[in-house]
Structure formats: C-alpha cells, structure tokens
Amino acid sequence: MSHSDIIKEQLDILDINLTFSEDYFERRKFKEEICSVYKGILSYQPQRCLCCGTENGSSIIKWGFKKV
C-alpha cells in the first residue's frame, strides 16, 4: 500500500483521482492554532467546481476546514 493510499484511508477520502506527493504534509499556525495541512494532486483537470460551479481558469483551490 502506497503512502498516498494510507493517507486517503486515514482521512476517509474515497476519490481515486487524488494522490499525495512526498511533501504532502506540513503544520501551520492558523488563527492562533496549529493545523495539519495536506497537499494533494488531482490526476485530471476539472472544468468547474462541483460545489459552487465556478469555471476553472487555471486552478481550483479547496480551502476545506474540518475540526476533529
């Protein structure tokens, strides 16, 4: 099992088009709290955001926040 598969399993991500490179993880301070930041790569270029419908000019950034 690759490190990308292990991360997806731990984060409960089902998207098979998402992979994580070697520098996928870092800790950052956000609003006075230390947060875990995961960087993933999609294997395809989406035409628009599935949530809001915004067309993809050059990149779509998902600022997802989930408190555990």
C-alpha atoms as a PDB file:
ATOM      1  CA  MET A   1       0.000   0.000   0.000  1.00  0.00           C
ATOM      2  CA  SER A   2       1.453   3.386  -1.008  1.00  0.00           C
ATOM      3  CA  HIS A   3       1.771   6.349   1.362  1.00  0.00           C
ATOM      4  CA  SER A   4      -0.916   8.097  -0.720  1.00  0.00           C
ATOM      5  CA  ASP A   5      -3.358   5.219  -0.119  1.00  0.00           C
ATOM      6  CA  ILE A   6      -2.607   5.229   3.613  1.00  0.00           C
ATOM      7  CA  ILE A   7      -3.281   8.979   3.880  1.00  0.00           C
ATOM      8  CA  LYS A   8      -6.559   8.659   1.968  1.00  0.00           C
ATOM      9  CA  GLU A   9      -7.631   5.819   4.250  1.00  0.00           C
ATOM     10  CA  GLN A  10      -6.777   7.792   7.404  1.00  0.00           C
ATOM     11  CA  LEU A  11      -8.616  10.902   6.149  1.00  0.00           C
ATOM     12  CA  ASP A  12     -11.547   8.840   4.790  1.00  0.00           C
ATOM     13  CA  ILE A  13     -11.088  10.124   1.211  1.00  0.00           C
ATOM     14  CA  LEU A  14     -12.681   7.978  -1.489  1.00  0.00           C
ATOM     15  CA  ASP A  15     -11.561   9.926  -4.593  1.00  0.00           C
ATOM     16  CA  ILE A  16      -9.322   7.661  -6.715  1.00  0.00           C
ATOM     17  CA  ASN A  17      -8.133  10.692  -8.726  1.00  0.00           C
ATOM     18  CA  LEU A  18      -6.335  12.235  -5.725  1.00  0.00           C
ATOM     19  CA  THR A  19      -2.722  11.424  -4.863  1.00  0.00           C
ATOM     20  CA  PHE A  20      -0.256  12.816  -2.341  1.00  0.00           C
ATOM     21  CA  SER A  21       3.381  13.531  -3.211  1.00  0.00           C
ATOM     22  CA  GLU A  22       6.328  13.128  -0.840  1.00  0.00           C
ATOM     23  CA  ASP A  23       5.981  16.692   0.546  1.00  0.00           C
ATOM     24  CA  TYR A  24       2.256  16.293   1.204  1.00  0.00           C
ATOM     25  CA  PHE A  25       2.100  17.377   4.860  1.00  0.00           C
ATOM     26  CA  GLU A  26       3.023  20.365   6.990  1.00  0.00           C
ATOM     27  CA  ARG A  27       1.910  22.044  10.177  1.00  0.00           C
ATOM     28  CA  ARG A  28       0.885  25.721  10.042  1.00  0.00           C
ATOM     29  CA  LYS A  29      -0.378  28.256  12.502  1.00  0.00           C
ATOM     30  CA  PHE A  30      -3.882  29.440  11.539  1.00  0.00           C
ATOM     31  CA  LYS A  31      -5.891  31.784  13.782  1.00  0.00           C
ATOM     32  CA  GLU A  32      -3.618  31.062  16.754  1.00  0.00           C
ATOM     33  CA  GLU A  33      -3.962  27.266  16.371  1.00  0.00           C
ATOM     34  CA  ILE A  34      -1.546  24.728  14.920  1.00  0.00           C
ATOM     35  CA  CYS A  35      -3.230  22.975  11.962  1.00  0.00           C
ATOM     36  CA  SER A  36      -2.362  19.988   9.769  1.00  0.00           C
ATOM     37  CA  VAL A  37      -2.191  20.867   6.051  1.00  0.00           C
ATOM     38  CA  TYR A  38      -2.291  18.101   3.418  1.00  0.00           C
ATOM     39  CA  LYS A  39      -1.411  18.862  -0.208  1.00  0.00           C
ATOM     40  CA  GLY A  40      -2.936  16.596  -2.846  1.00  0.00           C
ATOM     41  CA  ILE A  41      -2.804  16.393  -6.636  1.00  0.00           C
ATOM     42  CA  LEU A  42      -5.760  15.589  -8.895  1.00  0.00           C
ATOM     43  CA  SER A  43      -4.998  13.313 -11.850  1.00  0.00           C
ATOM     44  CA  TYR A  44      -7.360  15.315 -14.084  1.00  0.00           C
ATOM     45  CA  GLN A  45      -8.133  19.000 -14.704  1.00  0.00           C
ATOM     46  CA  PRO A  46     -11.724  19.774 -13.602  1.00  0.00           C
ATOM     47  CA  GLN A  47     -13.718  22.158 -15.813  1.00  0.00           C
ATOM     48  CA  ARG A  48     -15.576  23.743 -12.893  1.00  0.00           C
ATOM     49  CA  CYS A  49     -16.021  23.477  -9.145  1.00  0.00           C
ATOM     50  CA  LEU A  50     -18.621  20.837  -8.279  1.00  0.00           C
ATOM     51  CA  CYS A  51     -19.787  22.790  -5.217  1.00  0.00           C
ATOM     52  CA  CYS A  52     -20.167  26.367  -6.474  1.00  0.00           C
ATOM     53  CA  GLY A  53     -19.960  25.963 -10.278  1.00  0.00           C
ATOM     54  CA  THR A  54     -17.077  28.427 -10.745  1.00  0.00           C
ATOM     55  CA  GLU A  55     -15.231  27.763 -14.014  1.00  0.00           C
ATOM     56  CA  ASN A  56     -11.622  26.610 -13.742  1.00  0.00           C
ATOM     57  CA  GLY A  57      -9.319  29.303 -15.191  1.00  0.00           C
ATOM     58  CA  SER A  58      -6.000  27.776 -14.189  1.00  0.00           C
ATOM     59  CA  SER A  59      -6.566  26.117 -10.821  1.00  0.00           C
ATOM     60  CA  ILE A  60      -9.211  25.337  -8.248  1.00  0.00           C
ATOM     61  CA  ILE A  61      -8.221  25.590  -4.596  1.00  0.00           C
ATOM     62  CA  LYS A  62     -10.289  23.801  -1.967  1.00  0.00           C
ATOM     63  CA  TRP A  63      -9.980  25.543   1.367  1.00  0.00           C
ATOM     64  CA  GLY A  64     -11.540  22.750   3.396  1.00  0.00           C
ATOM     65  CA  PHE A  65     -11.615  23.043   7.136  1.00  0.00           C
ATOM     66  CA  LYS A  66     -12.696  20.271   9.450  1.00  0.00           C
ATOM     67  CA  LYS A  67     -12.308  20.312  13.214  1.00  0.00           C
ATOM     68  CA  VAL A  68     -11.668  16.968  14.841  1.00  0.00           C
END
